[in-house]
Amino acid sequence: MSRIDFASRVGVWWTSDQWSINDVIGRAREIEQLGYGSLFYGEAGGKETFTQAAALLSGTERLVVGTGIANIHARSAPASESGARTLTAQYPGRFVLGLGVSHAPLVERSYAGSYSRPLSTMRDYLQTMDAVPAEVEPGAQRPTRLLAALGPKMIELSSTAADGAHPYLVTPEHTASTREQLGPDKWVVSEQAAALTTDRQEGLRRGHQHLHMYSQLPNYQNSWLRQGFDESDLVVGGSDRLAEGMVAMGDAETVAAQVTRHLDAGADHVVIQVLGEDPAADPLPALRELAPALGLG
């Protein structure tokens, strides 16, 4: 298994595009102090992912920083490989390169690209990365790669051409099937959304708000159908059943129990995405409350 020096088995998933990078770094330092082992973040037209990773790594001491995910349509394979090798050389064991094929609407609208044959596109991209010569960063190890893998074919590619998978919006049962397909020697880093509130209606509101965009994307719709949901769950924002299946709602102990289910199912590491009252809310108050329940500190 490739090297990732997680300080604990639980981390954070936070896309902070609406925050200044200096404010993000300040919060990353507290996330590290609280005992969380990582900070993963998305890429969908906001901050540039490698620049953000470099800032977060330089501003912390041991926190693992992961792209969750870097959109392969946003930059060439050699650019991704060379940038990731440089970060790996500077911060060995602390940078994780999560890669994904993104979604047809985003690729075609924002990057003027083609979304045909996503599996082949990812396979070709990884092969081109492999061909980048060692001289681009002499002596550096190849960066740890995780794929945003929802379906069985992409999960298989995570095993044969990468170091593991980064499942997103999945149940613990999906984590278990991913672990079974990947075997024991690959990384599984699962994301878990959480609404830290004992008010069920407020939890559902945050869940539906979170799922609003994802529920309109075919990749996630198909993933949820494979996970046992049905067409009635695929309304915009998701049904209540889907929201409760994707988002841990309740007090800190309830959220921690769902994280434990992923770990027991075979995840090496779970990243918690806190859903606040609005998408730009500061995640730290909830993360402070969650840390003791998660055994951190």
C-alpha atoms as a PDB file:
ATOM      1  CA  MET A   1       0.000   0.000   0.000  1.00  0.00           C
ATOM      2  CA  SER A   2       1.269   3.468  -0.863  1.00  0.00           C
ATOM      3  CA  ARG A   3       2.232   5.808   1.952  1.00  0.00           C
ATOM      4  CA  ILE A   4      -0.248   8.177   3.588  1.00  0.00           C
ATOM      5  CA  ASP A   5       0.639   9.387   7.078  1.00  0.00           C
ATOM      6  CA  PHE A   6      -2.832   9.929   8.518  1.00  0.00           C
ATOM      7  CA  ALA A   7      -2.556  11.005  12.158  1.00  0.00           C
ATOM      8  CA  SER A   8      -6.001   9.503  12.806  1.00  0.00           C
ATOM      9  CA  ARG A   9      -8.628   7.509  10.926  1.00  0.00           C
ATOM     10  CA  VAL A  10     -11.037  10.446  10.661  1.00  0.00           C
ATOM     11  CA  GLY A  11     -10.577  13.593   8.607  1.00  0.00           C
ATOM     12  CA  VAL A  12     -12.565  16.487   7.159  1.00  0.00           C
ATOM     13  CA  TRP A  13     -14.073  17.163   3.738  1.00  0.00           C
ATOM     14  CA  TRP A  14     -14.631  20.895   3.205  1.00  0.00           C
ATOM     15  CA  THR A  15     -14.876  22.850  -0.023  1.00  0.00           C
ATOM     16  CA  SER A  16     -14.042  26.387   1.071  1.00  0.00           C
ATOM     17  CA  ASP A  17     -14.202  28.257  -2.227  1.00  0.00           C
ATOM     18  CA  GLN A  18     -16.200  31.098  -0.635  1.00  0.00           C
ATOM     19  CA  TRP A  19     -13.494  31.685   1.987  1.00  0.00           C
ATOM     20  CA  SER A  20     -10.175  33.501   1.620  1.00  0.00           C
ATOM     21  CA  ILE A  21      -7.224  31.116   1.506  1.00  0.00           C
ATOM     22  CA  ASN A  22      -5.714  32.690   4.635  1.00  0.00           C
ATOM     23  CA  ASP A  23      -8.922  32.022   6.564  1.00  0.00           C
ATOM     24  CA  VAL A  24      -8.963  28.460   5.226  1.00  0.00           C
ATOM     25  CA  ILE A  25      -5.377  27.903   6.394  1.00  0.00           C
ATOM     26  CA  GLY A  26      -6.269  29.189   9.851  1.00  0.00           C
ATOM     27  CA  ARG A  27      -9.121  26.716  10.104  1.00  0.00           C
ATOM     28  CA  ALA A  28      -6.952  23.916   8.732  1.00  0.00           C
ATOM     29  CA  ARG A  29      -4.531  24.529  11.609  1.00  0.00           C
ATOM     30  CA  GLU A  30      -7.331  24.124  14.139  1.00  0.00           C
ATOM     31  CA  ILE A  31      -8.638  21.035  12.319  1.00  0.00           C
ATOM     32  CA  GLU A  32      -5.142  19.593  12.753  1.00  0.00           C
ATOM     33  CA  GLN A  33      -5.010  20.600  16.435  1.00  0.00           C
ATOM     34  CA  LEU A  34      -8.372  18.940  17.086  1.00  0.00           C
ATOM     35  CA  GLY A  35      -6.867  15.637  15.955  1.00  0.00           C
ATOM     36  CA  TYR A  36      -8.419  15.209  12.529  1.00  0.00           C
ATOM     37  CA  GLY A  37      -6.043  13.442  10.192  1.00  0.00           C
ATOM     38  CA  SER A  38      -6.818  15.101   6.878  1.00  0.00           C
ATOM     39  CA  LEU A  39      -8.520  17.852   4.941  1.00  0.00           C
ATOM     40  CA  PHE A  40     -10.017  16.927   1.584  1.00  0.00           C
ATOM     41  CA  TYR A  41     -11.802  19.402  -0.699  1.00  0.00           C
ATOM     42  CA  GLY A  42     -13.535  19.441  -4.065  1.00  0.00           C
ATOM     43  CA  GLU A  43     -12.829  21.162  -7.361  1.00  0.00           C
ATOM     44  CA  ALA A  44     -15.724  22.480  -9.408  1.00  0.00           C
ATOM     45  CA  GLY A  45     -14.691  25.848 -10.765  1.00  0.00           C
ATOM     46  CA  GLY A  46     -13.480  27.545  -7.576  1.00  0.00           C
ATOM     47  CA  LYS A  47      -9.942  27.587  -6.213  1.00  0.00           C
ATOM     48  CA  GLU A  48      -7.264  25.847  -8.287  1.00  0.00           C
ATOM     49  CA  THR A  49      -6.648  22.539  -6.586  1.00  0.00           C
ATOM     50  CA  PHE A  50      -2.827  22.224  -6.605  1.00  0.00           C
ATOM     51  CA  THR A  51      -2.309  25.829  -5.499  1.00  0.00           C
ATOM     52  CA  GLN A  52      -4.712  25.257  -2.634  1.00  0.00           C
ATOM     53  CA  ALA A  53      -2.989  22.014  -1.645  1.00  0.00           C
ATOM     54  CA  ALA A  54       0.400  23.739  -1.542  1.00  0.00           C
ATOM     55  CA  ALA A  55      -0.989  26.517   0.666  1.00  0.00           C
ATOM     56  CA  LEU A  56      -2.635  24.086   3.089  1.00  0.00           C
ATOM     57  CA  LEU A  57       0.401  21.828   3.312  1.00  0.00           C
ATOM     58  CA  SER A  58       2.763  24.724   3.953  1.00  0.00           C
ATOM     59  CA  GLY A  59       0.434  26.168   6.576  1.00  0.00           C
ATOM     60  CA  THR A  60       0.111  22.989   8.647  1.00  0.00           C
ATOM     61  CA  GLU A  61       2.564  20.519  10.170  1.00  0.00           C
ATOM     62  CA  ARG A  62       1.189  17.005   9.806  1.00  0.00           C
ATOM     63  CA  LEU A  63      -2.281  17.302   8.261  1.00  0.00           C
ATOM     64  CA  VAL A  64      -2.792  15.165   5.158  1.00  0.00           C
ATOM     65  CA  VAL A  65      -4.244  17.221   2.307  1.00  0.00           C
ATOM     66  CA  GLY A  66      -6.292  15.511  -0.393  1.00  0.00           C
ATOM     67  CA  THR A  67      -7.915  16.637  -3.616  1.00  0.00           C
ATOM     68  CA  GLY A  68     -11.397  15.207  -3.547  1.00  0.00           C
ATOM     69  CA  ILE A  69     -11.400  15.363  -6.482  1.00  0.00           C
ATOM     70  CA  ALA A  70      -9.072  17.032  -8.983  1.00  0.00           C
ATOM     71  CA  ASN A  71     -11.028  17.209 -12.230  1.00  0.00           C
ATOM     72  CA  ILE A  72      -9.029  15.507 -14.980  1.00  0.00           C
ATOM     73  CA  HIS A  73     -10.642  17.807 -17.559  1.00  0.00           C
ATOM     74  CA  ALA A  74      -9.192  20.868 -15.825  1.00  0.00           C
ATOM     75  CA  ARG A  75      -5.543  20.114 -16.657  1.00  0.00           C
ATOM     76  CA  SER A  76      -3.400  17.754 -18.691  1.00  0.00           C
ATOM     77  CA  ALA A  77      -2.175  14.459 -17.272  1.00  0.00           C
ATOM     78  CA  PRO A  78       1.503  15.585 -17.297  1.00  0.00           C
ATOM     79  CA  ALA A  79       0.534  18.754 -15.401  1.00  0.00           C
ATOM     80  CA  SER A  80      -1.292  16.713 -12.766  1.00  0.00           C
ATOM     81  CA  GLU A  81       1.544  14.235 -12.398  1.00  0.00           C
ATOM     82  CA  SER A  82       4.349  16.777 -12.238  1.00  0.00           C
ATOM     83  CA  GLY A  83       2.474  19.014  -9.802  1.00  0.00           C
ATOM     84  CA  ALA A  84       1.576  16.093  -7.562  1.00  0.00           C
ATOM     85  CA  ARG A  85       5.145  14.754  -7.589  1.00  0.00           C
ATOM     86  CA  THR A  86       6.482  18.121  -6.479  1.00  0.00           C
ATOM     87  CA  LEU A  87       4.009  18.255  -3.581  1.00  0.00           C
ATOM     88  CA  THR A  88       4.893  14.670  -2.674  1.00  0.00           C
ATOM     89  CA  ALA A  89       8.592  15.536  -2.728  1.00  0.00           C
ATOM     90  CA  GLN A  90       8.035  18.503  -0.420  1.00  0.00           C
ATOM     91  CA  TYR A  91       5.530  16.792   1.882  1.00  0.00           C
ATOM     92  CA  PRO A  92       6.064  13.027   1.732  1.00  0.00           C
ATOM     93  CA  GLY A  93       3.116  11.051   3.097  1.00  0.00           C
ATOM     94  CA  ARG A  94       0.930  14.150   3.392  1.00  0.00           C
ATOM     95  CA  PHE A  95      -0.494  14.699  -0.096  1.00  0.00           C
ATOM     96  CA  VAL A  96      -3.189  12.560  -1.717  1.00  0.00           C
ATOM     97  CA  LEU A  97      -4.112  13.091  -5.348  1.00  0.00           C
ATOM     98  CA  GLY A  98      -7.787  12.280  -5.757  1.00  0.00           C
ATOM     99  CA  LEU A  99      -8.799  12.224  -9.422  1.00  0.00           C
ATOM    100  CA  GLY A 100     -12.213  12.094 -11.059  1.00  0.00           C
ATOM    101  CA  VAL A 101     -13.894  12.281 -14.446  1.00  0.00           C
ATOM    102  CA  SER A 102     -16.392  14.861 -13.098  1.00  0.00           C
ATOM    103  CA  HIS A 103     -19.839  15.116 -14.741  1.00  0.00           C
ATOM    104  CA  ALA A 104     -21.011  15.794 -18.270  1.00  0.00           C
ATOM    105  CA  PRO A 105     -22.781  19.142 -17.577  1.00  0.00           C
ATOM    106  CA  LEU A 106     -19.732  20.602 -15.813  1.00  0.00           C
ATOM    107  CA  VAL A 107     -17.206  19.299 -18.325  1.00  0.00           C
ATOM    108  CA  GLU A 108     -19.167  20.492 -21.351  1.00  0.00           C
ATOM    109  CA  ARG A 109     -20.139  23.857 -19.858  1.00  0.00           C
ATOM    110  CA  SER A 110     -17.051  24.910 -17.907  1.00  0.00           C
ATOM    111  CA  TYR A 111     -14.246  23.153 -19.758  1.00  0.00           C
ATOM    112  CA  ALA A 112     -15.668  22.875 -23.274  1.00  0.00           C
ATOM    113  CA  GLY A 113     -14.678  19.220 -23.245  1.00  0.00           C
ATOM    114  CA  SER A 114     -16.242  15.936 -24.232  1.00  0.00           C
ATOM    115  CA  TYR A 115     -17.607  13.532 -21.659  1.00  0.00           C
ATOM    116  CA  SER A 116     -17.750  10.492 -23.905  1.00  0.00           C
ATOM    117  CA  ARG A 117     -16.252   7.211 -22.638  1.00  0.00           C
ATOM    118  CA  PRO A 118     -15.315   8.405 -19.112  1.00  0.00           C
ATOM    119  CA  LEU A 119     -13.763   5.074 -18.083  1.00  0.00           C
ATOM    120  CA  SER A 120     -11.451   5.005 -21.106  1.00  0.00           C
ATOM    121  CA  THR A 121     -10.684   8.683 -20.614  1.00  0.00           C
ATOM    122  CA  MET A 122      -9.566   8.024 -17.047  1.00  0.00           C
ATOM    123  CA  ARG A 123      -7.534   4.962 -18.036  1.00  0.00           C
ATOM    124  CA  ASP A 124      -5.718   6.919 -20.770  1.00  0.00           C
ATOM    125  CA  TYR A 125      -5.124   9.812 -18.377  1.00  0.00           C
ATOM    126  CA  LEU A 126      -3.494   7.536 -15.801  1.00  0.00           C
ATOM    127  CA  GLN A 127      -1.315   5.891 -18.428  1.00  0.00           C
ATOM    128  CA  THR A 128      -0.127   9.304 -19.594  1.00  0.00           C
ATOM    129  CA  MET A 129       0.677  10.212 -15.996  1.00  0.00           C
ATOM    130  CA  ASP A 130       2.724   7.030 -15.663  1.00  0.00           C
ATOM    131  CA  ALA A 131       4.787   8.051 -18.696  1.00  0.00           C
ATOM    132  CA  VAL A 132       5.995  11.306 -17.133  1.00  0.00           C
ATOM    133  CA  PRO A 133       9.768  10.848 -16.655  1.00  0.00           C
ATOM    134  CA  ALA A 134      11.296  10.632 -13.201  1.00  0.00           C
ATOM    135  CA  GLU A 135      13.497  13.633 -14.003  1.00  0.00           C
ATOM    136  CA  VAL A 136      10.502  15.935 -13.505  1.00  0.00           C
ATOM    137  CA  GLU A 137      11.145  15.567  -9.760  1.00  0.00           C
ATOM    138  CA  PRO A 138      14.328  13.553  -9.191  1.00  0.00           C
ATOM    139  CA  GLY A 139      14.128  11.134  -6.287  1.00  0.00           C
ATOM    140  CA  ALA A 140      10.476  11.796  -5.537  1.00  0.00           C
ATOM    141  CA  GLN A 141       7.999   8.986  -5.152  1.00  0.00           C
ATOM    142  CA  ARG A 142       4.941   8.810  -7.358  1.00  0.00           C
ATOM    143  CA  PRO A 143       2.027  10.585  -5.627  1.00  0.00           C
ATOM    144  CA  THR A 144      -0.659   8.477  -4.011  1.00  0.00           C
ATOM    145  CA  ARG A 145      -3.668   8.370  -6.349  1.00  0.00           C
ATOM    146  CA  LEU A 146      -7.271   7.717  -5.401  1.00  0.00           C
ATOM    147  CA  LEU A 147     -10.096   7.643  -7.926  1.00  0.00           C
ATOM    148  CA  ALA A 148     -13.588   9.006  -7.428  1.00  0.00           C
ATOM    149  CA  ALA A 149     -15.096   5.593  -8.064  1.00  0.00           C
ATOM    150  CA  LEU A 150     -18.812   4.889  -7.720  1.00  0.00           C
ATOM    151  CA  GLY A 151     -19.458   2.071 -10.190  1.00  0.00           C
ATOM    152  CA  PRO A 152     -17.783  -1.342 -10.369  1.00  0.00           C
ATOM    153  CA  LYS A 153     -15.688  -0.601 -13.467  1.00  0.00           C
ATOM    154  CA  MET A 154     -14.154   2.568 -12.017  1.00  0.00           C
ATOM    155  CA  ILE A 155     -13.588   0.767  -8.712  1.00  0.00           C
ATOM    156  CA  GLU A 156     -11.735  -1.946 -10.645  1.00  0.00           C
ATOM    157  CA  LEU A 157      -9.587   0.724 -12.301  1.00  0.00           C
ATOM    158  CA  SER A 158      -8.874   2.107  -8.820  1.00  0.00           C
ATOM    159  CA  SER A 159      -7.276  -1.225  -8.049  1.00  0.00           C
ATOM    160  CA  THR A 160      -5.355  -1.843 -11.246  1.00  0.00           C
ATOM    161  CA  ALA A 161      -4.166   1.696 -12.110  1.00  0.00           C
ATOM    162  CA  ALA A 162      -4.356   3.646  -8.851  1.00  0.00           C
ATOM    163  CA  ASP A 163      -3.825   3.248  -5.114  1.00  0.00           C
ATOM    164  CA  GLY A 164      -7.456   3.044  -4.112  1.00  0.00           C
ATOM    165  CA  ALA A 165     -10.805   4.816  -4.148  1.00  0.00           C
ATOM    166  CA  HIS A 166     -12.463   7.885  -2.668  1.00  0.00           C
ATOM    167  CA  PRO A 167     -16.197   7.018  -2.474  1.00  0.00           C
ATOM    168  CA  TYR A 168     -18.508  10.019  -2.114  1.00  0.00           C
ATOM    169  CA  LEU A 169     -22.194  10.073  -1.134  1.00  0.00           C
ATOM    170  CA  VAL A 170     -22.277   6.400  -0.274  1.00  0.00           C
ATOM    171  CA  THR A 171     -23.580   4.141   2.471  1.00  0.00           C
ATOM    172  CA  PRO A 172     -21.368   1.939   4.658  1.00  0.00           C
ATOM    173  CA  GLU A 173     -22.615  -0.976   2.562  1.00  0.00           C
ATOM    174  CA  HIS A 174     -21.070   0.649  -0.507  1.00  0.00           C
ATOM    175  CA  THR A 175     -17.830   1.102   1.438  1.00  0.00           C
ATOM    176  CA  ALA A 176     -17.928  -2.630   2.229  1.00  0.00           C
ATOM    177  CA  SER A 177     -18.439  -3.598  -1.420  1.00  0.00           C
ATOM    178  CA  THR A 178     -15.633  -1.249  -2.474  1.00  0.00           C
ATOM    179  CA  ARG A 179     -13.294  -2.856   0.052  1.00  0.00           C
ATOM    180  CA  GLU A 180     -14.290  -6.328  -1.145  1.00  0.00           C
ATOM    181  CA  GLN A 181     -13.611  -5.392  -4.771  1.00  0.00           C
ATOM    182  CA  LEU A 182     -10.300  -3.623  -4.064  1.00  0.00           C
ATOM    183  CA  GLY A 183      -8.912  -6.206  -1.669  1.00  0.00           C
ATOM    184  CA  PRO A 184      -6.828  -5.488   1.437  1.00  0.00           C
ATOM    185  CA  ASP A 185      -3.900  -3.626  -0.128  1.00  0.00           C
ATOM    186  CA  LYS A 186      -5.587  -0.508  -1.522  1.00  0.00           C
ATOM    187  CA  TRP A 187      -6.814   2.634   0.203  1.00  0.00           C
ATOM    188  CA  VAL A 188     -10.516   3.288   0.771  1.00  0.00           C
ATOM    189  CA  VAL A 189     -11.199   6.860   1.916  1.00  0.00           C
ATOM    190  CA  SER A 190     -14.966   7.331   2.254  1.00  0.00           C
ATOM    191  CA  GLU A 191     -16.778  10.642   2.602  1.00  0.00           C
ATOM    192  CA  GLN A 192     -19.654  11.026   5.077  1.00  0.00           C
ATOM    193  CA  ALA A 193     -21.884  14.100   5.153  1.00  0.00           C
ATOM    194  CA  ALA A 194     -23.219  15.094   8.569  1.00  0.00           C
ATOM    195  CA  ALA A 195     -25.876  17.473   9.886  1.00  0.00           C
ATOM    196  CA  LEU A 196     -25.142  17.980  13.565  1.00  0.00           C
ATOM    197  CA  THR A 197     -28.666  18.708  14.796  1.00  0.00           C
ATOM    198  CA  THR A 198     -31.265  16.805  16.779  1.00  0.00           C
ATOM    199  CA  ASP A 199     -34.068  18.584  14.913  1.00  0.00           C
ATOM    200  CA  ARG A 200     -35.028  16.043  12.222  1.00  0.00           C
ATOM    201  CA  GLN A 201     -36.707  18.618  10.002  1.00  0.00           C
ATOM    202  CA  GLU A 202     -33.641  20.853  10.122  1.00  0.00           C
ATOM    203  CA  GLY A 203     -31.447  17.859   9.372  1.00  0.00           C
ATOM    204  CA  LEU A 204     -33.605  16.983   6.377  1.00  0.00           C
ATOM    205  CA  ARG A 205     -33.513  20.588   5.171  1.00  0.00           C
ATOM    206  CA  ARG A 206     -29.719  20.578   5.234  1.00  0.00           C
ATOM    207  CA  GLY A 207     -29.641  17.152   3.577  1.00  0.00           C
ATOM    208  CA  HIS A 208     -31.920  18.189   0.732  1.00  0.00           C
ATOM    209  CA  GLN A 209     -29.948  21.407   0.277  1.00  0.00           C
ATOM    210  CA  HIS A 210     -26.745  19.383   0.060  1.00  0.00           C
ATOM    211  CA  LEU A 211     -28.190  16.873  -2.418  1.00  0.00           C
ATOM    212  CA  HIS A 212     -29.845  19.460  -4.661  1.00  0.00           C
ATOM    213  CA  MET A 213     -27.087  19.577  -7.270  1.00  0.00           C
ATOM    214  CA  TYR A 214     -25.975  15.954  -6.963  1.00  0.00           C
ATOM    215  CA  SER A 215     -29.511  14.630  -7.391  1.00  0.00           C
ATOM    216  CA  GLN A 216     -29.579  16.051 -10.920  1.00  0.00           C
ATOM    217  CA  LEU A 217     -26.376  14.308 -12.055  1.00  0.00           C
ATOM    218  CA  PRO A 218     -26.713  10.908 -13.770  1.00  0.00           C
ATOM    219  CA  ASN A 219     -23.536   9.500 -12.169  1.00  0.00           C
ATOM    220  CA  TYR A 220     -24.960   9.904  -8.685  1.00  0.00           C
ATOM    221  CA  GLN A 221     -28.452   8.827  -9.707  1.00  0.00           C
ATOM    222  CA  ASN A 222     -27.044   5.579 -11.073  1.00  0.00           C
ATOM    223  CA  SER A 223     -24.883   5.106  -7.984  1.00  0.00           C
ATOM    224  CA  TRP A 224     -27.869   5.458  -5.669  1.00  0.00           C
ATOM    225  CA  LEU A 225     -29.900   2.991  -7.717  1.00  0.00           C
ATOM    226  CA  ARG A 226     -27.050   0.494  -7.364  1.00  0.00           C
ATOM    227  CA  GLN A 227     -27.027   1.166  -3.613  1.00  0.00           C
ATOM    228  CA  GLY A 228     -30.653   0.092  -3.268  1.00  0.00           C
ATOM    229  CA  PHE A 229     -32.594   3.314  -3.663  1.00  0.00           C
ATOM    230  CA  ASP A 230     -35.237   3.608  -6.400  1.00  0.00           C
ATOM    231  CA  GLU A 231     -36.594   6.126  -8.889  1.00  0.00           C
ATOM    232  CA  SER A 232     -38.909   7.651  -6.287  1.00  0.00           C
ATOM    233  CA  ASP A 233     -35.820   8.746  -4.342  1.00  0.00           C
ATOM    234  CA  LEU A 234     -34.316  10.630  -7.276  1.00  0.00           C
ATOM    235  CA  VAL A 235     -36.367  13.803  -6.994  1.00  0.00           C
ATOM    236  CA  VAL A 236     -34.488  17.098  -6.986  1.00  0.00           C
ATOM    237  CA  GLY A 237     -32.877  17.347  -3.575  1.00  0.00           C
ATOM    238  CA  GLY A 238     -33.505  13.676  -2.949  1.00  0.00           C
ATOM    239  CA  SER A 239     -36.297  12.006  -1.031  1.00  0.00           C
ATOM    240  CA  ASP A 240     -36.284  12.013   2.761  1.00  0.00           C
ATOM    241  CA  ARG A 241     -35.122   8.380   2.610  1.00  0.00           C
ATOM    242  CA  LEU A 242     -32.185   9.314   0.367  1.00  0.00           C
ATOM    243  CA  ALA A 243     -31.265  12.324   2.521  1.00  0.00           C
ATOM    244  CA  GLU A 244     -31.226  10.191   5.669  1.00  0.00           C
ATOM    245  CA  GLY A 245     -29.245   7.516   3.847  1.00  0.00           C
ATOM    246  CA  MET A 246     -26.554   9.921   2.660  1.00  0.00           C
ATOM    247  CA  VAL A 247     -26.391  12.331   5.613  1.00  0.00           C
ATOM    248  CA  ALA A 248     -25.769  11.364   9.243  1.00  0.00           C
ATOM    249  CA  MET A 249     -28.271  13.449  11.224  1.00  0.00           C
ATOM    250  CA  GLY A 250     -28.335  13.822  14.980  1.00  0.00           C
ATOM    251  CA  ASP A 251     -26.041  14.488  17.905  1.00  0.00           C
ATOM    252  CA  ALA A 252     -22.287  13.957  17.942  1.00  0.00           C
ATOM    253  CA  GLU A 253     -22.574  10.350  19.072  1.00  0.00           C
ATOM    254  CA  THR A 254     -24.983   9.540  16.224  1.00  0.00           C
ATOM    255  CA  VAL A 255     -22.631  11.015  13.641  1.00  0.00           C
ATOM    256  CA  ALA A 256     -19.652   9.222  15.180  1.00  0.00           C
ATOM    257  CA  ALA A 257     -21.546   5.923  15.032  1.00  0.00           C
ATOM    258  CA  GLN A 258     -22.070   6.341  11.279  1.00  0.00           C
ATOM    259  CA  VAL A 259     -18.368   7.071  10.802  1.00  0.00           C
ATOM    260  CA  THR A 260     -17.600   3.881  12.735  1.00  0.00           C
ATOM    261  CA  ARG A 261     -19.882   1.913  10.400  1.00  0.00           C
ATOM    262  CA  HIS A 262     -17.749   2.996   7.441  1.00  0.00           C
ATOM    263  CA  LEU A 263     -14.566   2.080   9.290  1.00  0.00           C
ATOM    264  CA  ASP A 264     -15.991  -1.296  10.295  1.00  0.00           C
ATOM    265  CA  ALA A 265     -17.040  -1.830   6.673  1.00  0.00           C
ATOM    266  CA  GLY A 266     -13.441  -1.516   5.509  1.00  0.00           C
ATOM    267  CA  ALA A 267     -12.660   2.183   5.115  1.00  0.00           C
ATOM    268  CA  ASP A 268      -9.101   3.075   6.066  1.00  0.00           C
ATOM    269  CA  HIS A 269     -10.082   6.684   6.631  1.00  0.00           C
ATOM    270  CA  VAL A 270     -13.394   8.595   6.703  1.00  0.00           C
ATOM    271  CA  VAL A 271     -13.705  12.301   5.899  1.00  0.00           C
ATOM    272  CA  ILE A 272     -16.647  14.134   7.462  1.00  0.00           C
ATOM    273  CA  GLN A 273     -18.388  16.875   5.485  1.00  0.00           C
ATOM    274  CA  VAL A 274     -20.240  19.081   7.961  1.00  0.00           C
ATOM    275  CA  LEU A 275     -23.483  20.563   6.629  1.00  0.00           C
ATOM    276  CA  GLY A 276     -24.203  23.857   8.340  1.00  0.00           C
ATOM    277  CA  GLU A 277     -27.235  26.093   8.198  1.00  0.00           C
ATOM    278  CA  ASP A 278     -25.993  27.305   4.815  1.00  0.00           C
ATOM    279  CA  PRO A 279     -23.302  25.982   2.439  1.00  0.00           C
ATOM    280  CA  ALA A 280     -20.790  28.692   3.406  1.00  0.00           C
ATOM    281  CA  ALA A 281     -21.098  28.103   7.156  1.00  0.00           C
ATOM    282  CA  ASP A 282     -17.968  27.727   9.264  1.00  0.00           C
ATOM    283  CA  PRO A 283     -17.462  23.967   9.884  1.00  0.00           C
ATOM    284  CA  LEU A 284     -15.312  24.426  12.999  1.00  0.00           C
ATOM    285  CA  PRO A 285     -18.053  24.664  15.672  1.00  0.00           C
ATOM    286  CA  ALA A 286     -19.457  21.285  14.605  1.00  0.00           C
ATOM    287  CA  LEU A 287     -15.993  19.765  14.210  1.00  0.00           C
ATOM    288  CA  ARG A 288     -15.082  20.877  17.726  1.00  0.00           C
ATOM    289  CA  GLU A 289     -18.239  19.225  19.056  1.00  0.00           C
ATOM    290  CA  LEU A 290     -17.629  16.042  17.083  1.00  0.00           C
ATOM    291  CA  ALA A 291     -13.977  15.540  18.019  1.00  0.00           C
ATOM    292  CA  PRO A 292     -14.506  14.015  21.492  1.00  0.00           C
ATOM    293  CA  ALA A 293     -17.233  11.662  20.200  1.00  0.00           C
ATOM    294  CA  LEU A 294     -14.806  10.514  17.519  1.00  0.00           C
ATOM    295  CA  GLY A 295     -12.073   9.856  20.074  1.00  0.00           C
ATOM    296  CA  LEU A 296      -9.851  12.627  18.730  1.00  0.00           C
ATOM    297  CA  GLY A 297      -7.668  15.036  20.587  1.00  0.00           C
END
